[in-house]
């Protein structure tokens, strides 16, 4: 599935000046990572947001948010934000900030053997 390149550019603009950010093709879309940990992605025209399991229900209570389910089972801690919820730069910045903040606070990944 192709992803919305315009949304990708908007996410990049939101992340300008942050260190440790990389991008990777994933899940048929584009994922953004901080220090190797995914925090948001773009799947089609939706933003995939890693909000964390503790705030999963808070995220679902927001307008234009649906459970992330591309494997047949919803993934707790991850949601999709529909395009209507990303129309303003302010809304996009809030989601990206939430997700990068959550992931940046996670413990460092253990190296693979």
PDB file of N, CA and C in Angstrom:
ATOM      1  N   UNK A   1       0.846  -1.179   0.000  1.00  0.00           N
ATOM      2  CA  UNK A   1       0.000   0.000   0.000  1.00  0.00           C
ATOM      3  C   UNK A   1       0.889   1.240   0.000  1.00  0.00           C
ATOM      4  N   UNK A   2       0.574   2.172  -0.831  1.00  0.00           N
ATOM      5  CA  UNK A   2       1.313   3.429  -0.868  1.00  0.00           C
ATOM      6  C   UNK A   2       0.907   4.279   0.330  1.00  0.00           C
ATOM      7  N   UNK A   3       1.764   5.221   0.661  1.00  0.00           N
ATOM      8  CA  UNK A   3       1.442   6.115   1.780  1.00  0.00           C
ATOM      9  C   UNK A   3       1.379   7.544   1.284  1.00  0.00           C
ATOM     10  N   UNK A   4       0.725   8.382   2.061  1.00  0.00           N
ATOM     11  CA  UNK A   4       0.520   9.789   1.737  1.00  0.00           C
ATOM     12  C   UNK A   4       1.833  10.549   1.904  1.00  0.00           C
ATOM     13  N   UNK A   5       2.457  10.905   0.786  1.00  0.00           N
ATOM     14  CA  UNK A   5       3.753  11.591   0.848  1.00  0.00           C
ATOM     15  C   UNK A   5       3.619  13.006   1.412  1.00  0.00           C
ATOM     16  N   UNK A   6       2.461  13.616   1.222  1.00  0.00           N
ATOM     17  CA  UNK A   6       2.229  14.938   1.804  1.00  0.00           C
ATOM     18  C   UNK A   6       2.208  14.880   3.324  1.00  0.00           C
ATOM     19  N   UNK A   7       1.568  13.855   3.858  1.00  0.00           N
ATOM     20  CA  UNK A   7       1.548  13.669   5.308  1.00  0.00           C
ATOM     21  C   UNK A   7       2.957  13.383   5.811  1.00  0.00           C
ATOM     22  N   UNK A   8       3.718  12.609   5.060  1.00  0.00           N
ATOM     23  CA  UNK A   8       5.108  12.327   5.445  1.00  0.00           C
ATOM     24  C   UNK A   8       5.909  13.622   5.545  1.00  0.00           C
ATOM     25  N   UNK A   9       5.724  14.519   4.601  1.00  0.00           N
ATOM     26  CA  UNK A   9       6.432  15.804   4.644  1.00  0.00           C
ATOM     27  C   UNK A   9       6.007  16.623   5.859  1.00  0.00           C
ATOM     28  N   UNK A  10       4.738  16.600   6.176  1.00  0.00           N
ATOM     29  CA  UNK A  10       4.256  17.330   7.348  1.00  0.00           C
ATOM     30  C   UNK A  10       4.850  16.762   8.631  1.00  0.00           C
ATOM     31  N   UNK A  11       4.957  15.437   8.719  1.00  0.00           N
ATOM     32  CA  UNK A  11       5.578  14.825   9.891  1.00  0.00           C
ATOM     33  C   UNK A  11       7.047  15.246   9.960  1.00  0.00           C
ATOM     34  N   UNK A  12       7.744  15.203   8.829  1.00  0.00           N
ATOM     35  CA  UNK A  12       9.155  15.635   8.808  1.00  0.00           C
ATOM     36  C   UNK A  12       9.298  17.078   9.296  1.00  0.00           C
ATOM     37  N   UNK A  13       8.406  17.946   8.840  1.00  0.00           N
ATOM     38  CA  UNK A  13       8.451  19.350   9.275  1.00  0.00           C
ATOM     39  C   UNK A  13       8.273  19.457  10.784  1.00  0.00           C
ATOM     40  N   UNK A  14       7.361  18.662  11.325  1.00  0.00           N
ATOM     41  CA  UNK A  14       7.106  18.654  12.768  1.00  0.00           C
ATOM     42  C   UNK A  14       8.334  18.212  13.552  1.00  0.00           C
ATOM     43  N   UNK A  15       9.121  17.335  12.965  1.00  0.00           N
ATOM     44  CA  UNK A  15      10.273  16.753  13.658  1.00  0.00           C
ATOM     45  C   UNK A  15      11.577  17.515  13.456  1.00  0.00           C
ATOM     46  N   UNK A  16      11.544  18.578  12.673  1.00  0.00           N
ATOM     47  CA  UNK A  16      12.785  19.327  12.428  1.00  0.00           C
ATOM     48  C   UNK A  16      13.415  19.763  13.736  1.00  0.00           C
ATOM     49  N   UNK A  17      14.726  19.575  13.824  1.00  0.00           N
ATOM     50  CA  UNK A  17      15.473  19.973  15.011  1.00  0.00           C
ATOM     51  C   UNK A  17      15.598  18.886  16.055  1.00  0.00           C
ATOM     52  N   UNK A  18      14.836  17.810  15.930  1.00  0.00           N
ATOM     53  CA  UNK A  18      14.955  16.694  16.876  1.00  0.00           C
ATOM     54  C   UNK A  18      16.072  15.782  16.420  1.00  0.00           C
ATOM     55  N   UNK A  19      16.806  15.255  17.367  1.00  0.00           N
ATOM     56  CA  UNK A  19      17.924  14.364  17.061  1.00  0.00           C
ATOM     57  C   UNK A  19      17.514  12.909  17.227  1.00  0.00           C
ATOM     58  N   UNK A  20      18.201  12.033  16.520  1.00  0.00           N
ATOM     59  CA  UNK A  20      17.964  10.602  16.652  1.00  0.00           C
ATOM     60  C   UNK A  20      16.788  10.088  15.854  1.00  0.00           C
ATOM     61  N   UNK A  21      16.217  10.908  14.953  1.00  0.00           N
ATOM     62  CA  UNK A  21      15.051  10.518  14.166  1.00  0.00           C
ATOM     63  C   UNK A  21      15.512   9.867  12.864  1.00  0.00           C
ATOM     64  N   UNK A  22      14.927   8.714  12.553  1.00  0.00           N
ATOM     65  CA  UNK A  22      15.174   8.048  11.282  1.00  0.00           C
ATOM     66  C   UNK A  22      13.840   7.611  10.686  1.00  0.00           C
ATOM     67  N   UNK A  23      13.893   7.238   9.417  1.00  0.00           N
ATOM     68  CA  UNK A  23      12.716   6.745   8.717  1.00  0.00           C
ATOM     69  C   UNK A  23      13.028   5.366   8.156  1.00  0.00           C
ATOM     70  N   UNK A  24      11.976   4.548   8.057  1.00  0.00           N
ATOM     71  CA  UNK A  24      12.156   3.205   7.510  1.00  0.00           C
ATOM     72  C   UNK A  24      10.848   2.767   6.849  1.00  0.00           C
ATOM     73  N   UNK A  25      10.966   2.161   5.683  1.00  0.00           N
ATOM     74  CA  UNK A  25       9.793   1.567   5.047  1.00  0.00           C
ATOM     75  C   UNK A  25       9.372   0.379   5.895  1.00  0.00           C
ATOM     76  N   UNK A  26       8.087   0.358   6.302  1.00  0.00           N
ATOM     77  CA  UNK A  26       7.562  -0.698   7.166  1.00  0.00           C
ATOM     78  C   UNK A  26       6.079  -0.864   6.921  1.00  0.00           C
ATOM     79  N   UNK A  27       5.612  -2.090   7.027  1.00  0.00           N
ATOM     80  CA  UNK A  27       4.174  -2.365   6.978  1.00  0.00           C
ATOM     81  C   UNK A  27       3.522  -1.806   5.713  1.00  0.00           C
ATOM     82  N   UNK A  28       4.256  -1.713   4.628  1.00  0.00           N
ATOM     83  CA  UNK A  28       3.718  -1.157   3.394  1.00  0.00           C
ATOM     84  C   UNK A  28       3.576   0.351   3.429  1.00  0.00           C
ATOM     85  N   UNK A  29       4.143   0.977   4.436  1.00  0.00           N
ATOM     86  CA  UNK A  29       4.076   2.427   4.570  1.00  0.00           C
ATOM     87  C   UNK A  29       5.426   2.964   4.989  1.00  0.00           C
ATOM     88  N   UNK A  30       5.420   4.018   5.776  1.00  0.00           N
ATOM     89  CA  UNK A  30       6.636   4.665   6.238  1.00  0.00           C
ATOM     90  C   UNK A  30       6.575   4.821   7.744  1.00  0.00           C
ATOM     91  N   UNK A  31       7.635   4.412   8.437  1.00  0.00           N
ATOM     92  CA  UNK A  31       7.699   4.533   9.892  1.00  0.00           C
ATOM     93  C   UNK A  31       8.755   5.552  10.275  1.00  0.00           C
ATOM     94  N   UNK A  32       8.498   6.288  11.342  1.00  0.00           N
ATOM     95  CA  UNK A  32       9.455   7.229  11.915  1.00  0.00           C
ATOM     96  C   UNK A  32       9.904   6.658  13.248  1.00  0.00           C
ATOM     97  N   UNK A  33      11.207   6.680  13.476  1.00  0.00           N
ATOM     98  CA  UNK A  33      11.789   6.094  14.679  1.00  0.00           C
ATOM     99  C   UNK A  33      12.635   7.122  15.406  1.00  0.00           C
ATOM    100  N   UNK A  34      12.690   7.001  16.722  1.00  0.00           N
ATOM    101  CA  UNK A  34      13.608   7.794  17.528  1.00  0.00           C
ATOM    102  C   UNK A  34      14.509   6.797  18.241  1.00  0.00           C
ATOM    103  N   UNK A  35      15.795   6.967  18.050  1.00  0.00           N
ATOM    104  CA  UNK A  35      16.776   6.046  18.629  1.00  0.00           C
ATOM    105  C   UNK A  35      16.427   4.587  18.335  1.00  0.00           C
ATOM    106  N   UNK A  36      15.947   4.333  17.106  1.00  0.00           N
ATOM    107  CA  UNK A  36      15.650   2.978  16.665  1.00  0.00           C
ATOM    108  C   UNK A  36      14.302   2.427  17.080  1.00  0.00           C
ATOM    109  N   UNK A  37      13.469   3.226  17.758  1.00  0.00           N
ATOM    110  CA  UNK A  37      12.154   2.770  18.227  1.00  0.00           C
ATOM    111  C   UNK A  37      11.056   3.532  17.487  1.00  0.00           C
ATOM    112  N   UNK A  38      10.143   2.782  16.867  1.00  0.00           N
ATOM    113  CA  UNK A  38       9.076   3.410  16.095  1.00  0.00           C
ATOM    114  C   UNK A  38       8.111   4.177  17.004  1.00  0.00           C
ATOM    115  N   UNK A  39       7.743   5.388  16.559  1.00  0.00           N
ATOM    116  CA  UNK A  39       6.753   6.156  17.327  1.00  0.00           C
ATOM    117  C   UNK A  39       5.548   6.551  16.496  1.00  0.00           C
ATOM    118  N   UNK A  40       5.697   6.817  15.214  1.00  0.00           N
ATOM    119  CA  UNK A  40       4.559   7.035  14.318  1.00  0.00           C
ATOM    120  C   UNK A  40       4.889   6.420  12.969  1.00  0.00           C
ATOM    121  N   UNK A  41       3.844   6.195  12.205  1.00  0.00           N
ATOM    122  CA  UNK A  41       3.999   5.701  10.851  1.00  0.00           C
ATOM    123  C   UNK A  41       2.861   6.208   9.997  1.00  0.00           C
ATOM    124  N   UNK A  42       3.020   6.049   8.706  1.00  0.00           N
ATOM    125  CA  UNK A  42       1.975   6.454   7.780  1.00  0.00           C
ATOM    126  C   UNK A  42       1.579   5.231   6.981  1.00  0.00           C
ATOM    127  N   UNK A  43       0.313   4.927   7.027  1.00  0.00           N
ATOM    128  CA  UNK A  43      -0.253   3.790   6.306  1.00  0.00           C
ATOM    129  C   UNK A  43      -1.402   4.335   5.470  1.00  0.00           C
ATOM    130  N   UNK A  44      -1.206   4.387   4.188  1.00  0.00           N
ATOM    131  CA  UNK A  44      -2.205   5.022   3.334  1.00  0.00           C
ATOM    132  C   UNK A  44      -2.256   6.506   3.670  1.00  0.00           C
ATOM    133  N   UNK A  45      -3.425   6.970   4.072  1.00  0.00           N
ATOM    134  CA  UNK A  45      -3.571   8.385   4.451  1.00  0.00           C
ATOM    135  C   UNK A  45      -3.744   8.563   5.955  1.00  0.00           C
ATOM    136  N   UNK A  46      -3.549   7.476   6.705  1.00  0.00           N
ATOM    137  CA  UNK A  46      -3.722   7.533   8.161  1.00  0.00           C
ATOM    138  C   UNK A  46      -2.373   7.577   8.864  1.00  0.00           C
ATOM    139  N   UNK A  47      -2.386   8.200  10.035  1.00  0.00           N
ATOM    140  CA  UNK A  47      -1.209   8.197  10.895  1.00  0.00           C
ATOM    141  C   UNK A  47      -1.350   7.056  11.888  1.00  0.00           C
ATOM    142  N   UNK A  48      -0.340   6.216  11.935  1.00  0.00           N
ATOM    143  CA  UNK A  48      -0.283   5.159  12.935  1.00  0.00           C
ATOM    144  C   UNK A  48       0.473   5.759  14.119  1.00  0.00           C
ATOM    145  N   UNK A  49      -0.118   5.730  15.291  1.00  0.00           N
ATOM    146  CA  UNK A  49       0.455   6.394  16.458  1.00  0.00           C
ATOM    147  C   UNK A  49       0.694   5.396  17.584  1.00  0.00           C
ATOM    148  N   UNK A  50       1.917   5.401  18.100  1.00  0.00           N
ATOM    149  CA  UNK A  50       2.263   4.548  19.241  1.00  0.00           C
ATOM    150  C   UNK A  50       2.084   5.385  20.502  1.00  0.00           C
ATOM    151  N   UNK A  51       0.936   5.221  21.130  1.00  0.00           N
ATOM    152  CA  UNK A  51       0.566   6.047  22.274  1.00  0.00           C
ATOM    153  C   UNK A  51       0.877   5.393  23.613  1.00  0.00           C
ATOM    154  N   UNK A  52       1.139   4.094  23.583  1.00  0.00           N
ATOM    155  CA  UNK A  52       1.430   3.357  24.821  1.00  0.00           C
ATOM    156  C   UNK A  52       0.189   2.705  25.375  1.00  0.00           C
ATOM    157  N   UNK A  53       0.352   1.537  25.991  1.00  0.00           N
ATOM    158  CA  UNK A  53      -0.811   0.805  26.508  1.00  0.00           C
ATOM    159  C   UNK A  53      -1.560   1.541  27.615  1.00  0.00           C
ATOM    160  N   UNK A  54      -0.850   2.315  28.428  1.00  0.00           N
ATOM    161  CA  UNK A  54      -1.504   3.019  29.544  1.00  0.00           C
ATOM    162  C   UNK A  54      -2.431   4.122  29.052  1.00  0.00           C
ATOM    163  N   UNK A  55      -2.157   4.683  27.868  1.00  0.00           N
ATOM    164  CA  UNK A  55      -2.970   5.792  27.350  1.00  0.00           C
ATOM    165  C   UNK A  55      -3.785   5.392  26.125  1.00  0.00           C
ATOM    166  N   UNK A  56      -3.872   4.101  25.895  1.00  0.00           N
ATOM    167  CA  UNK A  56      -4.599   3.595  24.729  1.00  0.00           C
ATOM    168  C   UNK A  56      -6.050   4.084  24.712  1.00  0.00           C
ATOM    169  N   UNK A  57      -6.746   3.922  25.817  1.00  0.00           N
ATOM    170  CA  UNK A  57      -8.159   4.328  25.882  1.00  0.00           C
ATOM    171  C   UNK A  57      -8.302   5.847  25.753  1.00  0.00           C
ATOM    172  N   UNK A  58      -7.344   6.612  26.314  1.00  0.00           N
ATOM    173  CA  UNK A  58      -7.367   8.074  26.162  1.00  0.00           C
ATOM    174  C   UNK A  58      -7.299   8.445  24.689  1.00  0.00           C
ATOM    175  N   UNK A  59      -6.427   7.761  23.952  1.00  0.00           N
ATOM    176  CA  UNK A  59      -6.282   8.049  22.522  1.00  0.00           C
ATOM    177  C   UNK A  59      -7.559   7.709  21.771  1.00  0.00           C
ATOM    178  N   UNK A  60      -8.153   6.546  22.079  1.00  0.00           N
ATOM    179  CA  UNK A  60      -9.372   6.133  21.385  1.00  0.00           C
ATOM    180  C   UNK A  60     -10.545   7.068  21.658  1.00  0.00           C
ATOM    181  N   UNK A  61     -10.502   7.800  22.762  1.00  0.00           N
ATOM    182  CA  UNK A  61     -11.570   8.733  23.096  1.00  0.00           C
ATOM    183  C   UNK A  61     -11.494  10.021  22.273  1.00  0.00           C
ATOM    184  N   UNK A  62     -10.392  10.221  21.550  1.00  0.00           N
ATOM    185  CA  UNK A  62     -10.221  11.424  20.740  1.00  0.00           C
ATOM    186  C   UNK A  62     -10.974  11.274  19.417  1.00  0.00           C
ATOM    187  N   UNK A  63     -11.392  12.403  18.843  1.00  0.00           N
ATOM    188  CA  UNK A  63     -12.100  12.316  17.552  1.00  0.00           C
ATOM    189  C   UNK A  63     -11.196  11.769  16.451  1.00  0.00           C
ATOM    190  N   UNK A  64     -11.789  11.012  15.553  1.00  0.00           N
ATOM    191  CA  UNK A  64     -11.120  10.497  14.350  1.00  0.00           C
ATOM    192  C   UNK A  64     -10.035   9.471  14.651  1.00  0.00           C
ATOM    193  N   UNK A  65     -10.125   8.812  15.793  1.00  0.00           N
ATOM    194  CA  UNK A  65      -9.143   7.799  16.183  1.00  0.00           C
ATOM    195  C   UNK A  65      -9.829   6.441  16.202  1.00  0.00           C
ATOM    196  N   UNK A  66      -9.155   5.440  15.619  1.00  0.00           N
ATOM    197  CA  UNK A  66      -9.684   4.078  15.580  1.00  0.00           C
ATOM    198  C   UNK A  66      -8.582   3.113  16.015  1.00  0.00           C
ATOM    199  N   UNK A  67      -8.977   1.928  16.484  1.00  0.00           N
ATOM    200  CA  UNK A  67      -7.954   0.953  16.867  1.00  0.00           C
ATOM    201  C   UNK A  67      -7.078   0.573  15.670  1.00  0.00           C
ATOM    202  N   UNK A  68      -5.823   0.317  15.924  1.00  0.00           N
ATOM    203  CA  UNK A  68      -4.926  -0.145  14.877  1.00  0.00           C
ATOM    204  C   UNK A  68      -5.092  -1.654  14.774  1.00  0.00           C
ATOM    205  N   UNK A  69      -5.521  -2.086  13.605  1.00  0.00           N
ATOM    206  CA  UNK A  69      -5.797  -3.498  13.409  1.00  0.00           C
ATOM    207  C   UNK A  69      -5.470  -3.858  11.968  1.00  0.00           C
ATOM    208  N   UNK A  70      -4.251  -4.279  11.719  1.00  0.00           N
ATOM    209  CA  UNK A  70      -3.927  -4.731  10.362  1.00  0.00           C
ATOM    210  C   UNK A  70      -3.549  -6.202  10.334  1.00  0.00           C
ATOM    211  N   UNK A  71      -3.615  -6.868  11.471  1.00  0.00           N
ATOM    212  CA  UNK A  71      -3.287  -8.288  11.529  1.00  0.00           C
ATOM    213  C   UNK A  71      -4.501  -9.139  11.873  1.00  0.00           C
ATOM    214  N   UNK A  72      -5.653  -8.509  12.064  1.00  0.00           N
ATOM    215  CA  UNK A  72      -6.834  -9.245  12.492  1.00  0.00           C
ATOM    216  C   UNK A  72      -7.103  -9.094  13.974  1.00  0.00           C
ATOM    217  N   UNK A  73      -6.130  -8.539  14.700  1.00  0.00           N
ATOM    218  CA  UNK A  73      -6.291  -8.276  16.145  1.00  0.00           C
ATOM    219  C   UNK A  73      -5.805  -6.858  16.434  1.00  0.00           C
ATOM    220  N   UNK A  74      -6.609  -6.060  17.125  1.00  0.00           N
ATOM    221  CA  UNK A  74      -6.150  -4.704  17.491  1.00  0.00           C
ATOM    222  C   UNK A  74      -4.885  -4.776  18.352  1.00  0.00           C
ATOM    223  N   UNK A  75      -3.994  -3.847  18.139  1.00  0.00           N
ATOM    224  CA  UNK A  75      -2.751  -3.795  18.909  1.00  0.00           C
ATOM    225  C   UNK A  75      -2.877  -2.735  19.989  1.00  0.00           C
ATOM    226  N   UNK A  76      -2.881  -3.159  21.239  1.00  0.00           N
ATOM    227  CA  UNK A  76      -3.002  -2.224  22.353  1.00  0.00           C
ATOM    228  C   UNK A  76      -1.777  -1.321  22.396  1.00  0.00           C
ATOM    229  N   UNK A  77      -2.021  -0.029  22.565  1.00  0.00           N
ATOM    230  CA  UNK A  77      -0.932   0.941  22.611  1.00  0.00           C
ATOM    231  C   UNK A  77      -0.677   1.617  21.284  1.00  0.00           C
ATOM    232  N   UNK A  78      -1.378   1.159  20.236  1.00  0.00           N
ATOM    233  CA  UNK A  78      -1.250   1.738  18.901  1.00  0.00           C
ATOM    234  C   UNK A  78      -2.637   2.086  18.378  1.00  0.00           C
ATOM    235  N   UNK A  79      -2.760   3.225  17.711  1.00  0.00           N
ATOM    236  CA  UNK A  79      -4.027   3.629  17.107  1.00  0.00           C
ATOM    237  C   UNK A  79      -3.754   4.235  15.733  1.00  0.00           C
ATOM    238  N   UNK A  80      -4.814   4.323  14.948  1.00  0.00           N
ATOM    239  CA  UNK A  80      -4.780   5.068  13.698  1.00  0.00           C
ATOM    240  C   UNK A  80      -5.525   6.373  13.898  1.00  0.00           C
ATOM    241  N   UNK A  81      -4.993   7.442  13.344  1.00  0.00           N
ATOM    242  CA  UNK A  81      -5.707   8.705  13.292  1.00  0.00           C
ATOM    243  C   UNK A  81      -6.102   8.917  11.841  1.00  0.00           C
ATOM    244  N   UNK A  82      -7.402   9.057  11.621  1.00  0.00           N
ATOM    245  CA  UNK A  82      -7.929   9.265  10.279  1.00  0.00           C
ATOM    246  C   UNK A  82      -7.543  10.664   9.782  1.00  0.00           C
ATOM    247  N   UNK A  83      -7.535  10.889   8.460  1.00  0.00           N
ATOM    248  CA  UNK A  83      -7.124  12.182   7.915  1.00  0.00           C
ATOM    249  C   UNK A  83      -7.862  13.381   8.513  1.00  0.00           C
ATOM    250  N   UNK A  84      -9.132  13.231   8.837  1.00  0.00           N
ATOM    251  CA  UNK A  84      -9.890  14.351   9.416  1.00  0.00           C
ATOM    252  C   UNK A  84      -9.305  14.815  10.745  1.00  0.00           C
ATOM    253  N   UNK A  85      -8.623  13.930  11.454  1.00  0.00           N
ATOM    254  CA  UNK A  85      -8.007  14.287  12.728  1.00  0.00           C
ATOM    255  C   UNK A  85      -6.624  14.888  12.592  1.00  0.00           C
ATOM    256  N   UNK A  86      -6.175  15.048  11.345  1.00  0.00           N
ATOM    257  CA  UNK A  86      -4.824  15.565  11.089  1.00  0.00           C
ATOM    258  C   UNK A  86      -4.841  16.799  10.203  1.00  0.00           C
ATOM    259  N   UNK A  87      -6.014  17.388  10.026  1.00  0.00           N
ATOM    260  CA  UNK A  87      -6.117  18.513   9.099  1.00  0.00           C
ATOM    261  C   UNK A  87      -5.280  19.709   9.516  1.00  0.00           C
ATOM    262  N   UNK A  88      -5.228  19.988  10.810  1.00  0.00           N
ATOM    263  CA  UNK A  88      -4.436  21.140  11.254  1.00  0.00           C
ATOM    264  C   UNK A  88      -3.030  20.679  11.651  1.00  0.00           C
ATOM    265  N   UNK A  89      -2.066  21.556  11.419  1.00  0.00           N
ATOM    266  CA  UNK A  89      -0.692  21.254  11.838  1.00  0.00           C
ATOM    267  C   UNK A  89      -0.618  21.095  13.350  1.00  0.00           C
ATOM    268  N   UNK A  90      -1.434  21.841  14.049  1.00  0.00           N
ATOM    269  CA  UNK A  90      -1.454  21.764  15.514  1.00  0.00           C
ATOM    270  C   UNK A  90      -1.853  20.368  15.992  1.00  0.00           C
ATOM    271  N   UNK A  91      -2.871  19.783  15.340  1.00  0.00           N
ATOM    272  CA  UNK A  91      -3.301  18.426  15.706  1.00  0.00           C
ATOM    273  C   UNK A  91      -2.200  17.415  15.409  1.00  0.00           C
ATOM    274  N   UNK A  92      -1.584  17.536  14.231  1.00  0.00           N
ATOM    275  CA  UNK A  92      -0.499  16.614  13.878  1.00  0.00           C
ATOM    276  C   UNK A  92       0.658  16.751  14.854  1.00  0.00           C
ATOM    277  N   UNK A  93       1.030  17.968  15.191  1.00  0.00           N
ATOM    278  CA  UNK A  93       2.124  18.193  16.145  1.00  0.00           C
ATOM    279  C   UNK A  93       1.812  17.581  17.503  1.00  0.00           C
ATOM    280  N   UNK A  94       0.557  17.666  17.928  1.00  0.00           N
ATOM    281  CA  UNK A  94       0.168  17.099  19.224  1.00  0.00           C
ATOM    282  C   UNK A  94       0.333  15.574  19.206  1.00  0.00           C
ATOM    283  N   UNK A  95      -0.128  14.924  18.146  1.00  0.00           N
ATOM    284  CA  UNK A  95       0.009  13.468  18.066  1.00  0.00           C
ATOM    285  C   UNK A  95       1.473  13.053  17.998  1.00  0.00           C
ATOM    286  N   UNK A  96       2.243  13.715  17.153  1.00  0.00           N
ATOM    287  CA  UNK A  96       3.660  13.366  17.022  1.00  0.00           C
ATOM    288  C   UNK A  96       4.374  13.597  18.348  1.00  0.00           C
ATOM    289  N   UNK A  97       4.084  14.702  19.009  1.00  0.00           N
ATOM    290  CA  UNK A  97       4.703  14.994  20.303  1.00  0.00           C
ATOM    291  C   UNK A  97       4.359  13.948  21.351  1.00  0.00           C
ATOM    292  N   UNK A  98       3.106  13.538  21.408  1.00  0.00           N
ATOM    293  CA  UNK A  98       2.662  12.503  22.344  1.00  0.00           C
ATOM    294  C   UNK A  98       3.468  11.233  22.102  1.00  0.00           C
ATOM    295  N   UNK A  99       3.540  10.821  20.842  1.00  0.00           N
ATOM    296  CA  UNK A  99       4.167   9.533  20.509  1.00  0.00           C
ATOM    297  C   UNK A  99       5.682   9.553  20.690  1.00  0.00           C
ATOM    298  N   UNK A 100       6.335  10.606  20.254  1.00  0.00           N
ATOM    299  CA  UNK A 100       7.786  10.660  20.416  1.00  0.00           C
ATOM    300  C   UNK A 100       8.132  10.748  21.900  1.00  0.00           C
ATOM    301  N   UNK A 101       7.319  11.429  22.671  1.00  0.00           N
ATOM    302  CA  UNK A 101       7.542  11.517  24.117  1.00  0.00           C
ATOM    303  C   UNK A 101       7.407  10.157  24.789  1.00  0.00           C
ATOM    304  N   UNK A 102       6.387   9.404  24.395  1.00  0.00           N
ATOM    305  CA  UNK A 102       6.201   8.069  24.965  1.00  0.00           C
ATOM    306  C   UNK A 102       7.397   7.181  24.644  1.00  0.00           C
ATOM    307  N   UNK A 103       7.778   7.133  23.378  1.00  0.00           N
ATOM    308  CA  UNK A 103       8.845   6.226  22.953  1.00  0.00           C
ATOM    309  C   UNK A 103      10.199   6.659  23.509  1.00  0.00           C
ATOM    310  N   UNK A 104      10.450   7.959  23.577  1.00  0.00           N
ATOM    311  CA  UNK A 104      11.736   8.442  24.112  1.00  0.00           C
ATOM    312  C   UNK A 104      11.905   8.053  25.571  1.00  0.00           C
ATOM    313  N   UNK A 105      10.804   7.864  26.294  1.00  0.00           N
ATOM    314  CA  UNK A 105      10.879   7.510  27.714  1.00  0.00           C
ATOM    315  C   UNK A 105      11.024   5.994  27.937  1.00  0.00           C
ATOM    316  N   UNK A 106      10.923   5.203  26.883  1.00  0.00           N
ATOM    317  CA  UNK A 106      11.078   3.749  27.026  1.00  0.00           C
ATOM    318  C   UNK A 106      12.533   3.411  27.303  1.00  0.00           C
ATOM    319  N   UNK A 107      12.786   2.300  27.974  1.00  0.00           N
ATOM    320  CA  UNK A 107      14.176   1.900  28.207  1.00  0.00           C
ATOM    321  C   UNK A 107      14.886   1.611  26.877  1.00  0.00           C
ATOM    322  N   UNK A 108      16.177   1.756  26.885  1.00  0.00           N
ATOM    323  CA  UNK A 108      16.967   1.482  25.686  1.00  0.00           C
ATOM    324  C   UNK A 108      16.772   0.034  25.259  1.00  0.00           C
ATOM    325  N   UNK A 109      16.794  -0.170  23.949  1.00  0.00           N
ATOM    326  CA  UNK A 109      16.660  -1.524  23.425  1.00  0.00           C
ATOM    327  C   UNK A 109      17.919  -2.319  23.713  1.00  0.00           C
ATOM    328  N   UNK A 110      17.706  -3.598  24.037  1.00  0.00           N
ATOM    329  CA  UNK A 110      18.853  -4.473  24.255  1.00  0.00           C
ATOM    330  C   UNK A 110      19.429  -4.847  22.899  1.00  0.00           C
ATOM    331  N   UNK A 111      20.753  -4.881  22.783  1.00  0.00           N
ATOM    332  CA  UNK A 111      21.340  -5.256  21.494  1.00  0.00           C
ATOM    333  C   UNK A 111      21.003  -6.705  21.149  1.00  0.00           C
ATOM    334  N   UNK A 112      20.807  -6.932  19.849  1.00  0.00           N
ATOM    335  CA  UNK A 112      20.544  -8.299  19.387  1.00  0.00           C
ATOM    336  C   UNK A 112      21.853  -9.079  19.363  1.00  0.00           C
ATOM    337  N   UNK A 113      21.735 -10.351  19.643  1.00  0.00           N
ATOM    338  CA  UNK A 113      22.942 -11.202  19.634  1.00  0.00           C
ATOM    339  C   UNK A 113      23.141 -11.829  18.299  1.00  0.00           C
TER     340      UNK A 113
END
